[in-house]
Amino acid sequence: AASTATMPPLTPADGPPTLVLWLPAAQATAWLSRHPPV
């Protein structure tokens, strides 16, 4: 859920992860500003 405070650690052995956001524009903008790229 978007309300989750922190991103879980992503350290896949088989390759980089894919993130999918199902969020409205304002929430997507806020999420991108809070989380640095993996």
ModelCIF file with pLDDT and N, C-alpha, C, O atoms, coordinates in Angstrom:
data_MODEL
#
_entry.id   MODEL 
#
_entity.id                         1 
_entity.type                       polymer 
_entity.pdbx_number_of_molecules   1 
#
_entity_poly.entity_id                      1 
_entity_poly.type                           'polypeptide(L)' 
_entity_poly.nstd_linkage                   no 
_entity_poly.nstd_monomer                   no 
_entity_poly.pdbx_seq_one_letter_code       AASTATMPPLTPADGPPTLVLWLPAAQATAWLSRHPPV 
_entity_poly.pdbx_seq_one_letter_code_can   AASTATMPPLTPADGPPTLVLWLPAAQATAWLSRHPPV 
_entity_poly.pdbx_strand_id                 A 
#
loop_
_entity_poly_seq.entity_id 
_entity_poly_seq.num 
_entity_poly_seq.mon_id 
_entity_poly_seq.hetero 
1 1  ALA n 
1 2  ALA n 
1 3  SER n 
1 4  THR n 
1 5  ALA n 
1 6  THR n 
1 7  MET n 
1 8  PRO n 
1 9  PRO n 
1 10 LEU n 
1 11 THR n 
1 12 PRO n 
1 13 ALA n 
1 14 ASP n 
1 15 GLY n 
1 16 PRO n 
1 17 PRO n 
1 18 THR n 
1 19 LEU n 
1 20 VAL n 
1 21 LEU n 
1 22 TRP n 
1 23 LEU n 
1 24 PRO n 
1 25 ALA n 
1 26 ALA n 
1 27 GLN n 
1 28 ALA n 
1 29 THR n 
1 30 ALA n 
1 31 TRP n 
1 32 LEU n 
1 33 SER n 
1 34 ARG n 
1 35 HIS n 
1 36 PRO n 
1 37 PRO n 
1 38 VAL n 
#
_struct_asym.id          A 
_struct_asym.entity_id   1 
#
loop_
_ma_qa_metric.id 
_ma_qa_metric.mode 
_ma_qa_metric.name 
_ma_qa_metric.software_group_id 
_ma_qa_metric.type 
1 global pLDDT . pLDDT 
2 local  pLDDT . pLDDT 
#
_ma_qa_metric_global.metric_id      1 
_ma_qa_metric_global.metric_value   79.08 
_ma_qa_metric_global.model_id       1 
_ma_qa_metric_global.ordinal_id     1 
#
loop_
_ma_qa_metric_local.label_asym_id 
_ma_qa_metric_local.label_comp_id 
_ma_qa_metric_local.label_seq_id 
_ma_qa_metric_local.metric_id 
_ma_qa_metric_local.metric_value 
_ma_qa_metric_local.model_id 
_ma_qa_metric_local.ordinal_id 
A ALA 1  2 89.00 1 1  
A ALA 2  2 84.00 1 2  
A SER 3  2 79.00 1 3  
A THR 4  2 68.00 1 4  
A ALA 5  2 53.00 1 5  
A THR 6  2 62.00 1 6  
A MET 7  2 61.00 1 7  
A PRO 8  2 60.00 1 8  
A PRO 9  2 58.00 1 9  
A LEU 10 2 54.00 1 10 
A THR 11 2 53.00 1 11 
A PRO 12 2 49.00 1 12 
A ALA 13 2 52.00 1 13 
A ASP 14 2 53.00 1 14 
A GLY 15 2 63.00 1 15 
A PRO 16 2 74.00 1 16 
A PRO 17 2 81.00 1 17 
A THR 18 2 89.00 1 18 
A LEU 19 2 92.00 1 19 
A VAL 20 2 95.00 1 20 
A LEU 21 2 96.00 1 21 
A TRP 22 2 97.00 1 22 
A LEU 23 2 96.00 1 23 
A PRO 24 2 94.00 1 24 
A ALA 25 2 93.00 1 25 
A ALA 26 2 93.00 1 26 
A GLN 27 2 94.00 1 27 
A ALA 28 2 94.00 1 28 
A THR 29 2 94.00 1 29 
A ALA 30 2 92.00 1 30 
A TRP 31 2 91.00 1 31 
A LEU 32 2 91.00 1 32 
A SER 33 2 91.00 1 33 
A ARG 34 2 88.00 1 34 
A HIS 35 2 86.00 1 35 
A PRO 36 2 85.00 1 36 
A PRO 37 2 84.00 1 37 
A VAL 38 2 77.00 1 38 
#
loop_
_atom_site.group_PDB 
_atom_site.id 
_atom_site.type_symbol 
_atom_site.label_atom_id 
_atom_site.label_alt_id 
_atom_site.label_comp_id 
_atom_site.label_asym_id 
_atom_site.label_entity_id 
_atom_site.label_seq_id 
_atom_site.pdbx_PDB_ins_code 
_atom_site.Cartn_x 
_atom_site.Cartn_y 
_atom_site.Cartn_z 
_atom_site.occupancy 
_atom_site.B_iso_or_equiv 
_atom_site.pdbx_formal_charge 
_atom_site.auth_seq_id 
_atom_site.auth_comp_id 
_atom_site.auth_asym_id 
_atom_site.auth_atom_id 
_atom_site.pdbx_PDB_model_num 
ATOM 1   N N  . ALA A 1 1  ? 0.845  -1.185  0.000   1.00 89.00 ? 1  ALA A N  1 
ATOM 2   C CA . ALA A 1 1  ? 0.000  0.000   0.000   1.00 89.00 ? 1  ALA A CA 1 
ATOM 3   C C  . ALA A 1 1  ? 0.883  1.240   0.000   1.00 89.00 ? 1  ALA A C  1 
ATOM 4   O O  . ALA A 1 1  ? 1.989  1.224   0.541   1.00 89.00 ? 1  ALA A O  1 
ATOM 5   N N  . ALA A 1 2  ? 0.385  2.324   -0.616  1.00 84.00 ? 2  ALA A N  1 
ATOM 6   C CA . ALA A 1 2  ? 1.189  3.545   -0.700  1.00 84.00 ? 2  ALA A CA 1 
ATOM 7   C C  . ALA A 1 2  ? 1.498  4.113   0.669   1.00 84.00 ? 2  ALA A C  1 
ATOM 8   O O  . ALA A 1 2  ? 2.462  4.862   0.827   1.00 84.00 ? 2  ALA A O  1 
ATOM 9   N N  . SER A 1 3  ? 0.698  3.770   1.655   1.00 79.00 ? 3  SER A N  1 
ATOM 10  C CA . SER A 1 3  ? 0.903  4.306   2.996   1.00 79.00 ? 3  SER A CA 1 
ATOM 11  C C  . SER A 1 3  ? 2.088  3.661   3.717   1.00 79.00 ? 3  SER A C  1 
ATOM 12  O O  . SER A 1 3  ? 2.485  4.113   4.792   1.00 79.00 ? 3  SER A O  1 
ATOM 13  N N  . THR A 1 4  ? 2.651  2.605   3.124   1.00 68.00 ? 4  THR A N  1 
ATOM 14  C CA . THR A 1 4  ? 3.808  1.960   3.750   1.00 68.00 ? 4  THR A CA 1 
ATOM 15  C C  . THR A 1 4  ? 4.941  2.965   3.913   1.00 68.00 ? 4  THR A C  1 
ATOM 16  O O  . THR A 1 4  ? 5.315  3.645   2.957   1.00 68.00 ? 4  THR A O  1 
ATOM 17  N N  . ALA A 1 5  ? 5.482  3.058   5.112   1.00 53.00 ? 5  ALA A N  1 
ATOM 18  C CA . ALA A 1 5  ? 6.435  4.127   5.413   1.00 53.00 ? 5  ALA A CA 1 
ATOM 19  C C  . ALA A 1 5  ? 7.749  3.967   4.670   1.00 53.00 ? 5  ALA A C  1 
ATOM 20  O O  . ALA A 1 5  ? 8.290  4.949   4.162   1.00 53.00 ? 5  ALA A O  1 
ATOM 21  N N  . THR A 1 6  ? 8.266  2.766   4.598   1.00 62.00 ? 6  THR A N  1 
ATOM 22  C CA . THR A 1 6  ? 9.581  2.567   3.992   1.00 62.00 ? 6  THR A CA 1 
ATOM 23  C C  . THR A 1 6  ? 9.529  1.453   2.968   1.00 62.00 ? 6  THR A C  1 
ATOM 24  O O  . THR A 1 6  ? 8.712  0.536   3.050   1.00 62.00 ? 6  THR A O  1 
ATOM 25  N N  . MET A 1 7  ? 10.420 1.560   2.009   1.00 61.00 ? 7  MET A N  1 
ATOM 26  C CA . MET A 1 7  ? 10.559 0.511   0.996   1.00 61.00 ? 7  MET A CA 1 
ATOM 27  C C  . MET A 1 7  ? 11.295 -0.674  1.595   1.00 61.00 ? 7  MET A C  1 
ATOM 28  O O  . MET A 1 7  ? 12.253 -0.486  2.346   1.00 61.00 ? 7  MET A O  1 
ATOM 29  N N  . PRO A 1 8  ? 10.873 -1.878  1.282   1.00 60.00 ? 8  PRO A N  1 
ATOM 30  C CA . PRO A 1 8  ? 11.627 -3.044  1.744   1.00 60.00 ? 8  PRO A CA 1 
ATOM 31  C C  . PRO A 1 8  ? 12.954 -3.140  0.999   1.00 60.00 ? 8  PRO A C  1 
ATOM 32  O O  . PRO A 1 8  ? 13.053 -2.663  -0.132  1.00 60.00 ? 8  PRO A O  1 
ATOM 33  N N  . PRO A 1 9  ? 13.954 -3.730  1.590   1.00 58.00 ? 9  PRO A N  1 
ATOM 34  C CA . PRO A 1 9  ? 15.233 -3.873  0.877   1.00 58.00 ? 9  PRO A CA 1 
ATOM 35  C C  . PRO A 1 9  ? 15.079 -4.787  -0.332  1.00 58.00 ? 9  PRO A C  1 
ATOM 36  O O  . PRO A 1 9  ? 14.454 -5.845  -0.250  1.00 58.00 ? 9  PRO A O  1 
ATOM 37  N N  . LEU A 1 10 ? 15.656 -4.366  -1.458  1.00 54.00 ? 10 LEU A N  1 
ATOM 38  C CA . LEU A 1 10 ? 15.583 -5.144  -2.688  1.00 54.00 ? 10 LEU A CA 1 
ATOM 39  C C  . LEU A 1 10 ? 17.011 -5.478  -3.115  1.00 54.00 ? 10 LEU A C  1 
ATOM 40  O O  . LEU A 1 10 ? 17.736 -4.625  -3.628  1.00 54.00 ? 10 LEU A O  1 
ATOM 41  N N  . THR A 1 11 ? 17.389 -6.697  -2.901  1.00 53.00 ? 11 THR A N  1 
ATOM 42  C CA . THR A 1 11 ? 18.735 -7.142  -3.298  1.00 53.00 ? 11 THR A CA 1 
ATOM 43  C C  . THR A 1 11 ? 18.623 -8.464  -4.041  1.00 53.00 ? 11 THR A C  1 
ATOM 44  O O  . THR A 1 11 ? 19.167 -9.473  -3.590  1.00 53.00 ? 11 THR A O  1 
ATOM 45  N N  . PRO A 1 12 ? 17.939 -8.474  -5.153  1.00 49.00 ? 12 PRO A N  1 
ATOM 46  C CA . PRO A 1 12 ? 17.737 -9.733  -5.879  1.00 49.00 ? 12 PRO A CA 1 
ATOM 47  C C  . PRO A 1 12 ? 19.038 -10.254 -6.474  1.00 49.00 ? 12 PRO A C  1 
ATOM 48  O O  . PRO A 1 12 ? 19.860 -9.494  -6.985  1.00 49.00 ? 12 PRO A O  1 
ATOM 49  N N  . ALA A 1 13 ? 19.197 -11.546 -6.393  1.00 52.00 ? 13 ALA A N  1 
ATOM 50  C CA . ALA A 1 13 ? 20.401 -12.159 -6.944  1.00 52.00 ? 13 ALA A CA 1 
ATOM 51  C C  . ALA A 1 13 ? 20.310 -12.334 -8.444  1.00 52.00 ? 13 ALA A C  1 
ATOM 52  O O  . ALA A 1 13 ? 21.328 -12.460 -9.125  1.00 52.00 ? 13 ALA A O  1 
ATOM 53  N N  . ASP A 1 14 ? 19.071 -12.343 -8.970  1.00 53.00 ? 14 ASP A N  1 
ATOM 54  C CA . ASP A 1 14 ? 18.887 -12.668 -10.376 1.00 53.00 ? 14 ASP A CA 1 
ATOM 55  C C  . ASP A 1 14 ? 18.742 -11.449 -11.273 1.00 53.00 ? 14 ASP A C  1 
ATOM 56  O O  . ASP A 1 14 ? 18.512 -11.602 -12.473 1.00 53.00 ? 14 ASP A O  1 
ATOM 57  N N  . GLY A 1 15 ? 18.866 -10.271 -10.741 1.00 63.00 ? 15 GLY A N  1 
ATOM 58  C CA . GLY A 1 15 ? 18.745 -9.087  -11.585 1.00 63.00 ? 15 GLY A CA 1 
ATOM 59  C C  . GLY A 1 15 ? 18.043 -7.968  -10.869 1.00 63.00 ? 15 GLY A C  1 
ATOM 60  O O  . GLY A 1 15 ? 17.443 -8.192  -9.818  1.00 63.00 ? 15 GLY A O  1 
ATOM 61  N N  . PRO A 1 16 ? 18.100 -6.753  -11.413 1.00 74.00 ? 16 PRO A N  1 
ATOM 62  C CA . PRO A 1 16 ? 17.470 -5.598  -10.772 1.00 74.00 ? 16 PRO A CA 1 
ATOM 63  C C  . PRO A 1 16 ? 15.958 -5.729  -10.779 1.00 74.00 ? 16 PRO A C  1 
ATOM 64  O O  . PRO A 1 16 ? 15.397 -6.353  -11.680 1.00 74.00 ? 16 PRO A O  1 
ATOM 65  N N  . PRO A 1 17 ? 15.290 -5.152  -9.793  1.00 81.00 ? 17 PRO A N  1 
ATOM 66  C CA . PRO A 1 17 ? 13.838 -5.283  -9.706  1.00 81.00 ? 17 PRO A CA 1 
ATOM 67  C C  . PRO A 1 17 ? 13.124 -4.308  -10.651 1.00 81.00 ? 17 PRO A C  1 
ATOM 68  O O  . PRO A 1 17 ? 13.720 -3.360  -11.162 1.00 81.00 ? 17 PRO A O  1 
ATOM 69  N N  . THR A 1 18 ? 11.848 -4.566  -10.864 1.00 89.00 ? 18 THR A N  1 
ATOM 70  C CA . THR A 1 18 ? 10.968 -3.645  -11.568 1.00 89.00 ? 18 THR A CA 1 
ATOM 71  C C  . THR A 1 18 ? 9.939  -3.120  -10.577 1.00 89.00 ? 18 THR A C  1 
ATOM 72  O O  . THR A 1 18 ? 9.283  -3.903  -9.890  1.00 89.00 ? 18 THR A O  1 
ATOM 73  N N  . LEU A 1 19 ? 9.795  -1.817  -10.500 1.00 92.00 ? 19 LEU A N  1 
ATOM 74  C CA . LEU A 1 19 ? 8.811  -1.189  -9.629  1.00 92.00 ? 19 LEU A CA 1 
ATOM 75  C C  . LEU A 1 19 ? 7.627  -0.741  -10.460 1.00 92.00 ? 19 LEU A C  1 
ATOM 76  O O  . LEU A 1 19 ? 7.808  -0.169  -11.534 1.00 92.00 ? 19 LEU A O  1 
ATOM 77  N N  . VAL A 1 20 ? 6.415  -0.992  -9.980  1.00 95.00 ? 20 VAL A N  1 
ATOM 78  C CA . VAL A 1 20 ? 5.190  -0.584  -10.657 1.00 95.00 ? 20 VAL A CA 1 
ATOM 79  C C  . VAL A 1 20 ? 4.368  0.243   -9.686  1.00 95.00 ? 20 VAL A C  1 
ATOM 80  O O  . VAL A 1 20 ? 4.026  -0.216  -8.597  1.00 95.00 ? 20 VAL A O  1 
ATOM 81  N N  . LEU A 1 21 ? 4.052  1.479   -10.094 1.00 96.00 ? 21 LEU A N  1 
ATOM 82  C CA . LEU A 1 21 ? 3.239  2.347   -9.253  1.00 96.00 ? 21 LEU A CA 1 
ATOM 83  C C  . LEU A 1 21 ? 1.835  2.465   -9.830  1.00 96.00 ? 21 LEU A C  1 
ATOM 84  O O  . LEU A 1 21 ? 1.653  2.885   -10.973 1.00 96.00 ? 21 LEU A O  1 
ATOM 85  N N  . TRP A 1 22 ? 0.850  2.091   -9.029  1.00 97.00 ? 22 TRP A N  1 
ATOM 86  C CA . TRP A 1 22 ? -0.561 2.292   -9.387  1.00 97.00 ? 22 TRP A CA 1 
ATOM 87  C C  . TRP A 1 22 ? -1.081 3.426   -8.495  1.00 97.00 ? 22 TRP A C  1 
ATOM 88  O O  . TRP A 1 22 ? -1.864 3.200   -7.572  1.00 97.00 ? 22 TRP A O  1 
ATOM 89  N N  . LEU A 1 23 ? -0.630 4.643   -8.791  1.00 96.00 ? 23 LEU A N  1 
ATOM 90  C CA . LEU A 1 23 ? -0.933 5.802   -7.958  1.00 96.00 ? 23 LEU A CA 1 
ATOM 91  C C  . LEU A 1 23 ? -1.408 6.965   -8.828  1.00 96.00 ? 23 LEU A C  1 
ATOM 92  O O  . LEU A 1 23 ? -0.998 7.069   -9.984  1.00 96.00 ? 23 LEU A O  1 
ATOM 93  N N  . PRO A 1 24 ? -2.268 7.845   -8.294  1.00 94.00 ? 24 PRO A N  1 
ATOM 94  C CA . PRO A 1 24 ? -2.601 9.083   -8.996  1.00 94.00 ? 24 PRO A CA 1 
ATOM 95  C C  . PRO A 1 24 ? -1.366 9.963   -9.158  1.00 94.00 ? 24 PRO A C  1 
ATOM 96  O O  . PRO A 1 24 ? -0.353 9.748   -8.491  1.00 94.00 ? 24 PRO A O  1 
ATOM 97  N N  . ALA A 1 25 ? -1.452 10.949  -10.041 1.00 93.00 ? 25 ALA A N  1 
ATOM 98  C CA . ALA A 1 25 ? -0.278 11.744  -10.407 1.00 93.00 ? 25 ALA A CA 1 
ATOM 99  C C  . ALA A 1 25 ? 0.379  12.407  -9.195  1.00 93.00 ? 25 ALA A C  1 
ATOM 100 O O  . ALA A 1 25 ? 1.600  12.349  -9.049  1.00 93.00 ? 25 ALA A O  1 
ATOM 101 N N  . ALA A 1 26 ? -0.414 13.033  -8.328  1.00 93.00 ? 26 ALA A N  1 
ATOM 102 C CA . ALA A 1 26 ? 0.173  13.739  -7.183  1.00 93.00 ? 26 ALA A CA 1 
ATOM 103 C C  . ALA A 1 26 ? 0.876  12.762  -6.247  1.00 93.00 ? 26 ALA A C  1 
ATOM 104 O O  . ALA A 1 26 ? 1.951  13.064  -5.729  1.00 93.00 ? 26 ALA A O  1 
ATOM 105 N N  . GLN A 1 27 ? 0.274  11.594  -6.027  1.00 94.00 ? 27 GLN A N  1 
ATOM 106 C CA . GLN A 1 27 ? 0.908  10.612  -5.155  1.00 94.00 ? 27 GLN A CA 1 
ATOM 107 C C  . GLN A 1 27 ? 2.154  10.012  -5.791  1.00 94.00 ? 27 GLN A C  1 
ATOM 108 O O  . GLN A 1 27 ? 3.137  9.731   -5.105  1.00 94.00 ? 27 GLN A O  1 
ATOM 109 N N  . ALA A 1 28 ? 2.108  9.819   -7.101  1.00 94.00 ? 28 ALA A N  1 
ATOM 110 C CA . ALA A 1 28 ? 3.291  9.289   -7.791  1.00 94.00 ? 28 ALA A CA 1 
ATOM 111 C C  . ALA A 1 28 ? 4.444  10.278  -7.701  1.00 94.00 ? 28 ALA A C  1 
ATOM 112 O O  . ALA A 1 28 ? 5.589  9.885   -7.475  1.00 94.00 ? 28 ALA A O  1 
ATOM 113 N N  . THR A 1 29 ? 4.142  11.561  -7.878  1.00 94.00 ? 29 THR A N  1 
ATOM 114 C CA . THR A 1 29 ? 5.185  12.586  -7.757  1.00 94.00 ? 29 THR A CA 1 
ATOM 115 C C  . THR A 1 29 ? 5.780  12.587  -6.347  1.00 94.00 ? 29 THR A C  1 
ATOM 116 O O  . THR A 1 29 ? 6.997  12.652  -6.180  1.00 94.00 ? 29 THR A O  1 
ATOM 117 N N  . ALA A 1 30 ? 4.914  12.514  -5.341  1.00 92.00 ? 30 ALA A N  1 
ATOM 118 C CA . ALA A 1 30 ? 5.392  12.510  -3.957  1.00 92.00 ? 30 ALA A CA 1 
ATOM 119 C C  . ALA A 1 30 ? 6.222  11.264  -3.669  1.00 92.00 ? 30 ALA A C  1 
ATOM 120 O O  . ALA A 1 30 ? 7.246  11.347  -2.992  1.00 92.00 ? 30 ALA A O  1 
ATOM 121 N N  . TRP A 1 31 ? 5.791  10.110  -4.173  1.00 91.00 ? 31 TRP A N  1 
ATOM 122 C CA . TRP A 1 31 ? 6.531  8.861   -3.938  1.00 91.00 ? 31 TRP A CA 1 
ATOM 123 C C  . TRP A 1 31 ? 7.915  8.938   -4.563  1.00 91.00 ? 31 TRP A C  1 
ATOM 124 O O  . TRP A 1 31 ? 8.900  8.538   -3.942  1.00 91.00 ? 31 TRP A O  1 
ATOM 125 N N  . LEU A 1 32 ? 7.998  9.451   -5.794  1.00 91.00 ? 32 LEU A N  1 
ATOM 126 C CA . LEU A 1 32 ? 9.296  9.562   -6.457  1.00 91.00 ? 32 LEU A CA 1 
ATOM 127 C C  . LEU A 1 32 ? 10.224 10.508  -5.713  1.00 91.00 ? 32 LEU A C  1 
ATOM 128 O O  . LEU A 1 32 ? 11.431 10.278  -5.653  1.00 91.00 ? 32 LEU A O  1 
ATOM 129 N N  . SER A 1 33 ? 9.662  11.577  -5.144  1.00 91.00 ? 33 SER A N  1 
ATOM 130 C CA . SER A 1 33 ? 10.506 12.539  -4.429  1.00 91.00 ? 33 SER A CA 1 
ATOM 131 C C  . SER A 1 33 ? 11.014 11.979  -3.103  1.00 91.00 ? 33 SER A C  1 
ATOM 132 O O  . SER A 1 33 ? 12.055 12.415  -2.613  1.00 91.00 ? 33 SER A O  1 
ATOM 133 N N  . ARG A 1 34 ? 10.293 11.015  -2.510  1.00 88.00 ? 34 ARG A N  1 
ATOM 134 C CA . ARG A 1 34 ? 10.678 10.458  -1.208  1.00 88.00 ? 34 ARG A CA 1 
ATOM 135 C C  . ARG A 1 34 ? 11.643 9.288   -1.322  1.00 88.00 ? 34 ARG A C  1 
ATOM 136 O O  . ARG A 1 34 ? 12.408 9.017   -0.396  1.00 88.00 ? 34 ARG A O  1 
ATOM 137 N N  . HIS A 1 35 ? 11.608 8.591   -2.464  1.00 86.00 ? 35 HIS A N  1 
ATOM 138 C CA . HIS A 1 35 ? 12.393 7.360   -2.584  1.00 86.00 ? 35 HIS A CA 1 
ATOM 139 C C  . HIS A 1 35 ? 13.468 7.517   -3.655  1.00 86.00 ? 35 HIS A C  1 
ATOM 140 O O  . HIS A 1 35 ? 13.139 7.786   -4.811  1.00 86.00 ? 35 HIS A O  1 
ATOM 141 N N  . PRO A 1 36 ? 14.719 7.359   -3.310  1.00 85.00 ? 36 PRO A N  1 
ATOM 142 C CA . PRO A 1 36 ? 15.780 7.392   -4.329  1.00 85.00 ? 36 PRO A CA 1 
ATOM 143 C C  . PRO A 1 36 ? 15.712 6.143   -5.196  1.00 85.00 ? 36 PRO A C  1 
ATOM 144 O O  . PRO A 1 36 ? 15.185 5.117   -4.765  1.00 85.00 ? 36 PRO A O  1 
ATOM 145 N N  . PRO A 1 37 ? 16.238 6.222   -6.411  1.00 84.00 ? 37 PRO A N  1 
ATOM 146 C CA . PRO A 1 37 ? 16.202 5.048   -7.300  1.00 84.00 ? 37 PRO A CA 1 
ATOM 147 C C  . PRO A 1 37 ? 16.954 3.858   -6.708  1.00 84.00 ? 37 PRO A C  1 
ATOM 148 O O  . PRO A 1 37 ? 18.007 4.019   -6.090  1.00 84.00 ? 37 PRO A O  1 
ATOM 149 N N  . VAL A 1 38 ? 16.413 2.694   -6.901  1.00 77.00 ? 38 VAL A N  1 
ATOM 150 C CA . VAL A 1 38 ? 17.101 1.456   -6.549  1.00 77.00 ? 38 VAL A CA 1 
ATOM 151 C C  . VAL A 1 38 ? 18.089 1.151   -7.673  1.00 77.00 ? 38 VAL A C  1 
ATOM 152 O O  . VAL A 1 38 ? 18.800 0.147   -7.615  1.00 77.00 ? 38 VAL A O  1 
#
